Amino acid sequence: MAVLHLLRPDYNPLRNFMSEYLIGLRFPWNGWSYILGATFLMLLVGLRLNVRPSGFLAASCVLMGVIVVLACAGPSFPIDALPSDGSLPPTFTRAAIVHIVCSALFYVSIIAILLTLPSAYKRDETWQPFSHMTRFLGYLTLASFVGIILAPFYLRGLAQRGNFSVILVWLLLTGLRLRRAIPESFVKAALLFVMVLNFGIFVASSVFRILLSFFTPPRTDIHLYWSLVVLCFAMGTFSFWRGSVELLTYLRERKMESNLR
């Protein structure tokens, strides 16, 4: 997400939505949305295995499954360029309509999850203390979403980034709590699964987009563009290698413990 701002210095982060930064870019910078989808998938599995079953938990898990689909589908359909004066285009393309609908459903589902999960947490003694924090973040997400709608056009980008920051804080806090609650072996397996999944999607979509870029040059500085492409490949390869090393080390330690017994 930060890299996108380097690629489009002609855009104003206070005014432009993050989706607008993807317009015209052939390399799959929307890969961060796939990572977000994989994150919600693992969050769904983790909460389903660790929080006491209830109707509220089932509803939250269903909504997380919806978000997995929306997070991957929405950014795959590019939005139309919005006028700089804050007005709406006379018409929207079909891709833009799909993007807008997916984005609206994404935010509504997030708010519904954050207002439903606290009721599920209250039915579990281990997670009950976390219910108040989750509900607070839910109200904060709702308020920031209303801010996106009511903010003047020259601050709509800032309002969206504020809303998404609250969502990322909730994901981080929930992930840290899950990491302490579940067995270490599951953590290792989950990390490797997410890394392999993201790495595979990233490489496949990258090859496709790079091939397209030979026919349509990227709409930004060519040296900066390809430098960031190499950087993203390097980061993905390192993450995959590091996750594999950690998992193999853990399995080797378990085998040694079994032999000693």
Protein backbone atom coordinates (compact mmCIF):
# COMPACT_ATOMS: atom_id res chain seq x y z
CA MET A 1 0.00 0.00 0.00
CA ALA A 2 2.87 2.34 0.78
CA VAL A 3 4.60 1.46 -2.49
CA LEU A 4 1.53 2.53 -4.46
CA HIS A 5 2.04 6.10 -3.23
CA LEU A 6 5.56 6.10 -4.65
CA LEU A 7 4.32 4.92 -8.04
CA ARG A 8 1.72 7.67 -8.38
CA PRO A 9 3.26 10.95 -7.17
CA ASP A 10 0.68 12.79 -9.29
CA TYR A 11 -2.06 11.66 -6.89
CA ASN A 12 -2.89 13.37 -3.61
CA PRO A 13 -3.27 10.88 -0.70
CA LEU A 14 -5.57 13.35 1.06
CA ARG A 15 -8.02 13.30 -1.82
CA ASN A 16 -7.57 10.12 -3.88
CA PHE A 17 -8.84 6.71 -2.82
CA MET A 18 -6.33 3.87 -2.67
CA SER A 19 -8.19 2.13 -5.49
CA GLU A 20 -7.42 5.03 -7.80
CA TYR A 21 -3.70 4.31 -7.47
CA LEU A 22 -4.22 1.01 -9.29
CA ILE A 23 -5.55 2.63 -12.46
CA GLY A 24 -3.21 1.96 -15.36
CA LEU A 25 -0.69 -0.16 -13.43
CA ARG A 26 0.05 -3.47 -15.16
CA PHE A 27 2.00 -5.09 -12.36
CA PRO A 28 -0.36 -6.66 -9.76
CA TRP A 29 -0.05 -4.08 -7.02
CA ASN A 30 -3.55 -5.13 -5.98
CA GLY A 31 -1.82 -8.22 -4.55
CA TRP A 32 -2.12 -6.63 -1.11
CA SER A 33 -5.86 -7.36 -1.35
CA TYR A 34 -5.11 -11.08 -1.84
CA ILE A 35 -2.93 -10.96 1.27
CA LEU A 36 -5.83 -9.35 3.12
CA GLY A 37 -8.15 -12.11 1.90
CA ALA A 38 -5.74 -14.82 3.08
CA THR A 39 -5.45 -13.04 6.44
CA PHE A 40 -9.22 -13.14 6.95
CA LEU A 41 -9.27 -16.78 5.89
CA MET A 42 -6.77 -17.73 8.60
CA LEU A 43 -8.58 -15.51 11.10
CA LEU A 44 -11.80 -17.36 10.33
CA VAL A 45 -10.15 -20.74 10.93
CA GLY A 46 -8.37 -19.58 14.09
CA LEU A 47 -11.46 -18.10 15.74
CA ARG A 48 -13.60 -21.07 14.74
CA LEU A 49 -11.17 -23.43 16.48
CA ASN A 50 -10.54 -21.36 19.62
CA VAL A 51 -13.71 -19.44 20.52
CA ARG A 52 -16.65 -21.29 22.08
CA PRO A 53 -19.21 -22.07 19.34
CA SER A 54 -22.30 -19.85 19.22
CA GLY A 55 -24.67 -18.30 16.75
CA PHE A 56 -22.78 -15.00 16.92
CA LEU A 57 -19.50 -16.74 16.12
CA ALA A 58 -21.08 -18.60 13.20
CA ALA A 59 -22.46 -15.33 11.80
CA SER A 60 -19.04 -13.67 12.16
CA CYS A 61 -17.31 -16.57 10.40
CA VAL A 62 -19.79 -16.43 7.51
CA LEU A 63 -19.12 -12.69 7.15
CA MET A 64 -15.37 -13.34 7.16
CA GLY A 65 -15.86 -15.82 4.34
CA VAL A 66 -17.72 -13.13 2.40
CA ILE A 67 -14.85 -10.71 3.02
CA VAL A 68 -12.33 -13.24 1.67
CA VAL A 69 -14.21 -13.22 -1.65
CA LEU A 70 -14.74 -9.45 -1.69
CA ALA A 71 -11.11 -8.67 -0.83
CA CYS A 72 -9.92 -10.70 -3.81
CA ALA A 73 -12.66 -9.73 -6.26
CA GLY A 74 -13.06 -5.99 -5.65
CA PRO A 75 -9.55 -4.70 -6.49
CA SER A 76 -9.38 -7.10 -9.46
CA PHE A 77 -11.93 -4.84 -11.16
CA PRO A 78 -10.43 -1.35 -11.65
CA ILE A 79 -12.38 1.71 -10.66
CA ASP A 80 -12.83 4.62 -13.08
CA ALA A 81 -10.74 7.76 -12.71
CA LEU A 82 -12.72 10.24 -10.58
CA PRO A 83 -12.85 13.94 -11.52
CA SER A 84 -10.53 16.16 -9.47
CA ASP A 85 -13.37 18.56 -8.60
CA GLY A 86 -15.17 15.95 -6.51
CA SER A 87 -18.02 15.35 -8.94
CA LEU A 88 -19.07 11.92 -10.16
CA PRO A 89 -18.42 10.66 -13.70
CA PRO A 90 -21.45 10.80 -15.99
CA THR A 91 -21.32 7.00 -16.35
CA PHE A 92 -19.46 4.13 -14.69
CA THR A 93 -17.99 1.12 -16.46
CA ARG A 94 -19.15 -2.36 -15.45
CA ALA A 95 -15.80 -3.02 -13.79
CA ALA A 96 -16.14 0.16 -11.75
CA ILE A 97 -19.66 -0.79 -10.66
CA VAL A 98 -18.44 -4.22 -9.50
CA HIS A 99 -15.57 -2.53 -7.63
CA ILE A 100 -17.86 -0.04 -5.88
CA VAL A 101 -20.38 -2.72 -4.87
CA CYS A 102 -17.62 -5.02 -3.54
CA SER A 103 -16.04 -2.16 -1.60
CA ALA A 104 -19.35 -1.14 -0.01
CA LEU A 105 -20.13 -4.75 0.97
CA PHE A 106 -16.59 -5.12 2.33
CA TYR A 107 -16.93 -2.20 4.74
CA VAL A 108 -20.46 -3.17 5.78
CA SER A 109 -19.30 -6.74 6.49
CA ILE A 110 -16.34 -5.49 8.53
CA ILE A 111 -18.61 -3.33 10.68
CA ALA A 112 -21.06 -6.22 11.15
CA ILE A 113 -18.21 -8.52 12.25
CA LEU A 114 -16.84 -6.04 14.77
CA LEU A 115 -20.30 -5.54 16.27
CA THR A 116 -21.12 -9.29 16.32
CA LEU A 117 -17.86 -10.80 17.57
CA PRO A 118 -18.03 -9.17 21.05
CA SER A 119 -21.22 -11.14 21.76
CA ALA A 120 -19.40 -14.34 20.78
CA TYR A 121 -16.40 -13.42 22.95
CA LYS A 122 -18.64 -12.90 26.00
CA ARG A 123 -19.62 -16.58 25.83
CA ASP A 124 -15.97 -17.62 26.18
CA GLU A 125 -14.09 -16.92 29.41
CA THR A 126 -10.73 -16.76 27.62
CA TRP A 127 -11.87 -14.21 25.04
CA GLN A 128 -14.31 -12.25 27.20
CA PRO A 129 -11.76 -9.52 28.18
CA PHE A 130 -11.16 -8.84 24.47
CA SER A 131 -14.85 -8.18 23.76
CA HIS A 132 -14.77 -4.55 24.98
CA MET A 133 -11.78 -3.67 22.78
CA THR A 134 -13.41 -5.30 19.75
CA ARG A 135 -16.68 -3.45 20.29
CA PHE A 136 -14.82 -0.15 20.68
CA LEU A 137 -12.96 -0.75 17.40
CA GLY A 138 -16.30 -1.64 15.80
CA TYR A 139 -17.83 1.70 16.77
CA LEU A 140 -14.66 3.45 15.63
CA THR A 141 -14.82 1.67 12.27
CA LEU A 142 -18.48 2.65 11.88
CA ALA A 143 -17.70 6.29 12.70
CA SER A 144 -14.76 6.40 10.28
CA PHE A 145 -16.89 4.79 7.54
CA VAL A 146 -19.49 7.52 8.01
CA GLY A 147 -16.58 9.96 7.78
CA ILE A 148 -15.71 8.60 4.33
CA ILE A 149 -19.26 9.31 3.17
CA LEU A 150 -19.54 12.78 4.73
CA ALA A 151 -15.95 14.00 4.24
CA PRO A 152 -15.39 16.70 1.60
CA PHE A 153 -13.88 15.41 -1.62
CA TYR A 154 -10.45 16.89 -0.86
CA LEU A 155 -10.26 14.78 2.34
CA ARG A 156 -11.96 11.58 1.25
CA GLY A 157 -8.64 9.79 0.73
CA LEU A 158 -7.51 10.65 4.24
CA ALA A 159 -10.84 9.43 5.67
CA GLN A 160 -10.49 6.10 3.85
CA ARG A 161 -6.95 5.59 5.13
CA GLY A 162 -8.11 6.37 8.67
CA ASN A 163 -10.88 3.79 8.38
CA PHE A 164 -8.53 1.15 7.02
CA SER A 165 -6.00 1.88 9.76
CA VAL A 166 -8.61 0.94 12.38
CA ILE A 167 -9.26 -2.34 10.54
CA LEU A 168 -5.53 -3.13 10.44
CA VAL A 169 -5.22 -2.42 14.18
CA TRP A 170 -8.05 -4.87 14.88
CA LEU A 171 -6.43 -7.53 12.67
CA LEU A 172 -3.10 -7.05 14.42
CA LEU A 173 -4.53 -7.26 17.96
CA THR A 174 -6.70 -10.27 17.12
CA GLY A 175 -3.81 -12.03 15.42
CA LEU A 176 -1.53 -11.50 18.41
CA ARG A 177 -4.17 -12.88 20.76
CA LEU A 178 -4.75 -15.89 18.54
CA ARG A 179 -1.02 -16.56 18.39
CA ARG A 180 -0.93 -16.86 22.18
CA ALA A 181 -4.08 -19.02 22.29
CA ILE A 182 -3.36 -21.69 19.68
CA PRO A 183 -0.66 -24.40 19.66
CA GLU A 184 2.71 -23.40 18.24
CA SER A 185 2.54 -26.16 15.64
CA PHE A 186 -0.64 -24.65 14.20
CA VAL A 187 1.02 -21.22 14.08
CA LYS A 188 3.91 -22.60 12.03
CA ALA A 189 1.61 -24.45 9.65
CA ALA A 190 -0.66 -21.41 9.25
CA LEU A 191 2.28 -19.12 8.50
CA LEU A 192 3.61 -21.47 5.85
CA PHE A 193 0.15 -21.91 4.31
CA VAL A 194 -0.41 -18.15 4.01
CA MET A 195 3.08 -17.56 2.60
CA VAL A 196 2.78 -20.34 0.01
CA LEU A 197 -0.71 -19.17 -1.00
CA ASN A 198 0.32 -15.52 -1.34
CA PHE A 199 3.56 -16.37 -3.08
CA GLY A 200 1.81 -18.58 -5.64
CA ILE A 201 -0.89 -16.02 -6.43
CA PHE A 202 1.67 -13.23 -6.54
CA VAL A 203 3.98 -15.02 -8.97
CA ALA A 204 1.17 -16.19 -11.26
CA SER A 205 -0.45 -12.76 -11.49
CA SER A 206 2.93 -11.05 -11.80
CA VAL A 207 3.95 -13.11 -14.81
CA PHE A 208 0.63 -12.33 -16.47
CA ARG A 209 0.84 -8.60 -15.76
CA ILE A 210 4.50 -8.36 -16.78
CA LEU A 211 3.68 -9.92 -20.13
CA LEU A 212 0.95 -7.33 -20.60
CA SER A 213 3.33 -4.52 -19.69
CA PHE A 214 5.43 -5.23 -22.79
CA PHE A 215 2.44 -4.19 -24.89
CA THR A 216 1.25 -1.35 -22.62
CA PRO A 217 4.06 0.57 -20.88
CA PRO A 218 3.44 1.44 -17.20
CA ARG A 219 2.15 4.96 -16.60
CA THR A 220 4.95 5.99 -14.27
CA ASP A 221 8.72 6.31 -14.15
CA ILE A 222 10.05 3.15 -15.77
CA HIS A 223 13.13 2.82 -13.53
CA LEU A 224 11.15 3.27 -10.33
CA TYR A 225 8.48 0.89 -11.59
CA TRP A 226 10.80 -2.04 -12.31
CA SER A 227 12.89 -1.39 -9.18
CA LEU A 228 9.77 -1.83 -7.07
CA VAL A 229 8.82 -4.93 -9.04
CA VAL A 230 12.19 -6.50 -8.16
CA LEU A 231 11.80 -5.37 -4.54
CA CYS A 232 8.39 -7.04 -4.20
CA PHE A 233 9.71 -10.27 -5.71
CA ALA A 234 12.64 -10.21 -3.30
CA MET A 235 10.40 -9.64 -0.28
CA GLY A 236 8.04 -12.44 -1.31
CA THR A 237 10.91 -14.87 -1.87
CA PHE A 238 12.49 -14.01 1.49
CA SER A 239 9.17 -14.46 3.32
CA PHE A 240 8.63 -17.85 1.70
CA TRP A 241 12.18 -18.98 2.53
CA ARG A 242 11.97 -17.74 6.12
CA GLY A 243 8.63 -19.43 6.76
CA SER A 244 9.95 -22.71 5.35
CA VAL A 245 13.06 -22.55 7.54
CA GLU A 246 11.00 -21.93 10.68
CA LEU A 247 8.64 -24.81 9.93
CA LEU A 248 11.46 -27.28 9.15
CA THR A 249 13.31 -26.24 12.31
CA TYR A 250 10.21 -26.87 14.40
CA LEU A 251 9.60 -30.28 12.81
CA ARG A 252 13.25 -31.24 13.41
CA GLU A 253 12.98 -30.25 17.08
CA ARG A 254 9.80 -32.31 17.48
CA LYS A 255 11.50 -35.32 15.91
CA MET A 256 14.49 -35.00 18.28
CA GLU A 257 12.14 -34.79 21.28
CA SER A 258 10.33 -37.93 20.11
CA ASN A 259 13.62 -39.80 19.75
CA LEU A 260 14.72 -38.81 23.26
CA ARG A 261 11.50 -40.14 24.71
